[in-house]
């Protein structure tokens, strides 16, 4: 696999289930054993009810764009060829929000990715160890 020039996440024991699932083309997050809330940080307690005890559970990968922007400055050299590039927050159907990129757009403009637009997770294997979760416009049902 080619060298990936952009920053990569640090995979820890707490985050490993997320990255392992992504490598297999699945989206999983910690879910509270007590109140069933999903959360996007990889700790053994729940930010909704404050109790300890979580398990990893699958999500549909479907959601809607909650916020979006385009970066016109390369804060890391690896993004230089992608200028300008989009960054979005997707609110998943199950509730949690993920910071991501929207792919599969003709130009990546904000007009192409309006707030509320339905999206679906896709998995981008950028190295042998890391598969990033990104989103594309959802297929019409």
C-alpha atoms as a PDB file:
ATOM      1  CA  UNK A   1       0.000   0.000   0.000  1.00  0.00           C
ATOM      2  CA  UNK A   2       1.215   3.528  -0.750  1.00  0.00           C
ATOM      3  CA  UNK A   3       2.463   5.813   1.987  1.00  0.00           C
ATOM      4  CA  UNK A   4      -0.369   7.879   3.454  1.00  0.00           C
ATOM      5  CA  UNK A   5       0.689  11.530   3.878  1.00  0.00           C
ATOM      6  CA  UNK A   6      -2.158  12.746   6.109  1.00  0.00           C
ATOM      7  CA  UNK A   7      -2.244  12.410   9.911  1.00  0.00           C
ATOM      8  CA  UNK A   8      -3.392   9.009  11.172  1.00  0.00           C
ATOM      9  CA  UNK A   9      -5.240   8.217  14.397  1.00  0.00           C
ATOM     10  CA  UNK A  10      -3.425   6.684  17.326  1.00  0.00           C
ATOM     11  CA  UNK A  11      -4.982   3.264  17.835  1.00  0.00           C
ATOM     12  CA  UNK A  12      -5.187   2.425  21.527  1.00  0.00           C
ATOM     13  CA  UNK A  13      -6.588  -0.593  23.345  1.00  0.00           C
ATOM     14  CA  UNK A  14      -9.750   1.419  24.056  1.00  0.00           C
ATOM     15  CA  UNK A  15     -10.228   2.509  20.418  1.00  0.00           C
ATOM     16  CA  UNK A  16      -9.109  -0.750  18.767  1.00  0.00           C
ATOM     17  CA  UNK A  17     -12.666  -2.184  18.412  1.00  0.00           C
ATOM     18  CA  UNK A  18     -13.691   0.893  16.380  1.00  0.00           C
ATOM     19  CA  UNK A  19     -10.718   0.566  14.010  1.00  0.00           C
ATOM     20  CA  UNK A  20     -11.010  -3.223  13.735  1.00  0.00           C
ATOM     21  CA  UNK A  21     -14.689  -2.916  12.788  1.00  0.00           C
ATOM     22  CA  UNK A  22     -13.911  -0.182  10.240  1.00  0.00           C
ATOM     23  CA  UNK A  23     -11.288  -2.426   8.610  1.00  0.00           C
ATOM     24  CA  UNK A  24     -14.068  -4.997   8.195  1.00  0.00           C
ATOM     25  CA  UNK A  25     -16.461  -2.414   6.701  1.00  0.00           C
ATOM     26  CA  UNK A  26     -18.603  -2.000   9.811  1.00  0.00           C
ATOM     27  CA  UNK A  27     -19.350   0.986  12.030  1.00  0.00           C
ATOM     28  CA  UNK A  28     -19.299   0.220  15.759  1.00  0.00           C
ATOM     29  CA  UNK A  29     -19.270   2.463  18.828  1.00  0.00           C
ATOM     30  CA  UNK A  30     -19.406   1.971  22.591  1.00  0.00           C
ATOM     31  CA  UNK A  31     -22.954   1.660  23.936  1.00  0.00           C
ATOM     32  CA  UNK A  32     -23.952   2.049  27.565  1.00  0.00           C
ATOM     33  CA  UNK A  33     -24.985  -1.163  29.336  1.00  0.00           C
ATOM     34  CA  UNK A  34     -27.452   0.832  31.456  1.00  0.00           C
ATOM     35  CA  UNK A  35     -29.154   3.532  29.329  1.00  0.00           C
ATOM     36  CA  UNK A  36     -28.238   2.205  25.830  1.00  0.00           C
ATOM     37  CA  UNK A  37     -26.771   5.550  24.681  1.00  0.00           C
ATOM     38  CA  UNK A  38     -24.016   5.375  22.071  1.00  0.00           C
ATOM     39  CA  UNK A  39     -20.974   7.585  22.513  1.00  0.00           C
ATOM     40  CA  UNK A  40     -18.032   8.564  20.358  1.00  0.00           C
ATOM     41  CA  UNK A  41     -15.244   8.547  22.893  1.00  0.00           C
ATOM     42  CA  UNK A  42     -13.594   5.304  23.846  1.00  0.00           C
ATOM     43  CA  UNK A  43     -13.915   5.166  27.629  1.00  0.00           C
ATOM     44  CA  UNK A  44     -15.633   2.607  29.874  1.00  0.00           C
ATOM     45  CA  UNK A  45     -18.278   5.039  31.191  1.00  0.00           C
ATOM     46  CA  UNK A  46     -21.315   6.743  29.721  1.00  0.00           C
ATOM     47  CA  UNK A  47     -21.553  10.498  29.248  1.00  0.00           C
ATOM     48  CA  UNK A  48     -25.366  10.294  29.190  1.00  0.00           C
ATOM     49  CA  UNK A  49     -25.984   8.600  32.555  1.00  0.00           C
ATOM     50  CA  UNK A  50     -22.506   8.668  34.115  1.00  0.00           C
ATOM     51  CA  UNK A  51     -22.413   4.955  34.885  1.00  0.00           C
ATOM     52  CA  UNK A  52     -19.575   2.611  34.099  1.00  0.00           C
ATOM     53  CA  UNK A  53     -20.119  -0.281  31.723  1.00  0.00           C
ATOM     54  CA  UNK A  54     -20.205  -0.238  27.943  1.00  0.00           C
ATOM     55  CA  UNK A  55     -20.188  -2.759  25.129  1.00  0.00           C
ATOM     56  CA  UNK A  56     -19.445  -2.323  21.437  1.00  0.00           C
ATOM     57  CA  UNK A  57     -22.473  -2.357  19.178  1.00  0.00           C
ATOM     58  CA  UNK A  58     -23.058  -1.923  15.460  1.00  0.00           C
ATOM     59  CA  UNK A  59     -24.714   1.088  13.860  1.00  0.00           C
ATOM     60  CA  UNK A  60     -26.500   1.390  10.538  1.00  0.00           C
ATOM     61  CA  UNK A  61     -23.972   3.819   9.063  1.00  0.00           C
ATOM     62  CA  UNK A  62     -26.838   6.054   7.955  1.00  0.00           C
ATOM     63  CA  UNK A  63     -27.291   9.634   9.075  1.00  0.00           C
ATOM     64  CA  UNK A  64     -27.616  13.260   8.033  1.00  0.00           C
ATOM     65  CA  UNK A  65     -25.166  16.107   7.715  1.00  0.00           C
ATOM     66  CA  UNK A  66     -25.450  18.118  10.925  1.00  0.00           C
ATOM     67  CA  UNK A  67     -22.747  20.722  10.125  1.00  0.00           C
ATOM     68  CA  UNK A  68     -20.289  21.326   7.302  1.00  0.00           C
ATOM     69  CA  UNK A  69     -17.411  23.533   6.214  1.00  0.00           C
ATOM     70  CA  UNK A  70     -14.639  23.736   3.622  1.00  0.00           C
ATOM     71  CA  UNK A  71     -11.021  24.232   4.575  1.00  0.00           C
ATOM     72  CA  UNK A  72      -9.032  26.557   2.311  1.00  0.00           C
ATOM     73  CA  UNK A  73      -5.779  26.167   4.243  1.00  0.00           C
ATOM     74  CA  UNK A  74      -3.699  23.006   4.512  1.00  0.00           C
ATOM     75  CA  UNK A  75      -2.975  22.659   8.220  1.00  0.00           C
ATOM     76  CA  UNK A  76      -1.052  19.482   7.365  1.00  0.00           C
ATOM     77  CA  UNK A  77       1.042  19.108   4.200  1.00  0.00           C
ATOM     78  CA  UNK A  78      -0.814  15.923   3.229  1.00  0.00           C
ATOM     79  CA  UNK A  79      -3.984  17.938   2.552  1.00  0.00           C
ATOM     80  CA  UNK A  80      -2.344  20.329   0.084  1.00  0.00           C
ATOM     81  CA  UNK A  81      -3.495  18.422  -3.015  1.00  0.00           C
ATOM     82  CA  UNK A  82      -7.076  18.253  -1.699  1.00  0.00           C
ATOM     83  CA  UNK A  83      -7.555  22.006  -1.282  1.00  0.00           C
ATOM     84  CA  UNK A  84     -10.201  23.067  -0.586  1.00  0.00           C
ATOM     85  CA  UNK A  85     -11.517  20.035   1.288  1.00  0.00           C
ATOM     86  CA  UNK A  86     -14.700  19.485   3.229  1.00  0.00           C
ATOM     87  CA  UNK A  87     -15.180  18.547   6.851  1.00  0.00           C
ATOM     88  CA  UNK A  88     -18.604  17.632   8.172  1.00  0.00           C
ATOM     89  CA  UNK A  89     -20.304  16.455  11.308  1.00  0.00           C
ATOM     90  CA  UNK A  90     -22.713  13.633  10.583  1.00  0.00           C
ATOM     91  CA  UNK A  91     -25.460  12.827  13.057  1.00  0.00           C
ATOM     92  CA  UNK A  92     -26.063   9.099  12.798  1.00  0.00           C
ATOM     93  CA  UNK A  93     -29.616   7.733  12.815  1.00  0.00           C
ATOM     94  CA  UNK A  94     -28.798   6.207  16.209  1.00  0.00           C
ATOM     95  CA  UNK A  95     -27.854   9.608  17.673  1.00  0.00           C
ATOM     96  CA  UNK A  96     -24.084  10.054  17.965  1.00  0.00           C
ATOM     97  CA  UNK A  97     -22.213  12.563  15.819  1.00  0.00           C
ATOM     98  CA  UNK A  98     -18.962  11.911  13.956  1.00  0.00           C
ATOM     99  CA  UNK A  99     -16.496  14.372  12.418  1.00  0.00           C
ATOM    100  CA  UNK A 100     -15.755  13.164   8.899  1.00  0.00           C
ATOM    101  CA  UNK A 101     -15.428  13.984   5.218  1.00  0.00           C
ATOM    102  CA  UNK A 102     -18.159  13.731   2.605  1.00  0.00           C
ATOM    103  CA  UNK A 103     -16.953  11.879  -0.496  1.00  0.00           C
ATOM    104  CA  UNK A 104     -18.546  11.171  -3.861  1.00  0.00           C
ATOM    105  CA  UNK A 105     -19.348  14.802  -4.631  1.00  0.00           C
ATOM    106  CA  UNK A 106     -18.583  16.402  -7.990  1.00  0.00           C
ATOM    107  CA  UNK A 107     -16.795  19.422  -6.502  1.00  0.00           C
ATOM    108  CA  UNK A 108     -17.089  19.142  -2.709  1.00  0.00           C
ATOM    109  CA  UNK A 109     -18.899  22.464  -2.423  1.00  0.00           C
ATOM    110  CA  UNK A 110     -21.197  23.256   0.478  1.00  0.00           C
ATOM    111  CA  UNK A 111     -24.123  23.434  -1.979  1.00  0.00           C
ATOM    112  CA  UNK A 112     -23.517  19.735  -2.726  1.00  0.00           C
ATOM    113  CA  UNK A 113     -23.660  18.776   0.956  1.00  0.00           C
ATOM    114  CA  UNK A 114     -26.434  20.800   2.609  1.00  0.00           C
ATOM    115  CA  UNK A 115     -27.319  20.500   6.273  1.00  0.00           C
ATOM    116  CA  UNK A 116     -29.803  17.649   6.662  1.00  0.00           C
ATOM    117  CA  UNK A 117     -28.667  15.728   3.573  1.00  0.00           C
ATOM    118  CA  UNK A 118     -28.924  11.934   4.069  1.00  0.00           C
ATOM    119  CA  UNK A 119     -25.562  10.175   3.968  1.00  0.00           C
ATOM    120  CA  UNK A 120     -24.192   6.628   4.256  1.00  0.00           C
ATOM    121  CA  UNK A 121     -20.878   5.459   5.719  1.00  0.00           C
ATOM    122  CA  UNK A 122     -18.114   4.256   3.419  1.00  0.00           C
ATOM    123  CA  UNK A 123     -14.790   2.817   4.459  1.00  0.00           C
ATOM    124  CA  UNK A 124     -11.471   4.095   3.093  1.00  0.00           C
ATOM    125  CA  UNK A 125      -8.537   1.725   3.730  1.00  0.00           C
ATOM    126  CA  UNK A 126      -5.708   4.272   3.797  1.00  0.00           C
ATOM    127  CA  UNK A 127      -3.080   1.897   5.254  1.00  0.00           C
ATOM    128  CA  UNK A 128      -2.958  -1.785   6.119  1.00  0.00           C
ATOM    129  CA  UNK A 129      -3.836  -0.891   9.744  1.00  0.00           C
ATOM    130  CA  UNK A 130      -6.199   2.080   9.342  1.00  0.00           C
ATOM    131  CA  UNK A 131      -9.527   2.310   7.555  1.00  0.00           C
ATOM    132  CA  UNK A 132     -11.164   5.710   7.877  1.00  0.00           C
ATOM    133  CA  UNK A 133     -14.926   6.120   8.133  1.00  0.00           C
ATOM    134  CA  UNK A 134     -16.198   8.696   5.657  1.00  0.00           C
ATOM    135  CA  UNK A 135     -19.661   9.389   4.281  1.00  0.00           C
ATOM    136  CA  UNK A 136     -21.215   9.744   0.828  1.00  0.00           C
ATOM    137  CA  UNK A 137     -24.643  10.951  -0.275  1.00  0.00           C
ATOM    138  CA  UNK A 138     -27.185   8.227   0.487  1.00  0.00           C
ATOM    139  CA  UNK A 139     -28.814   6.335  -2.357  1.00  0.00           C
ATOM    140  CA  UNK A 140     -32.428   7.279  -2.937  1.00  0.00           C
ATOM    141  CA  UNK A 141     -34.667   4.689  -1.322  1.00  0.00           C
END
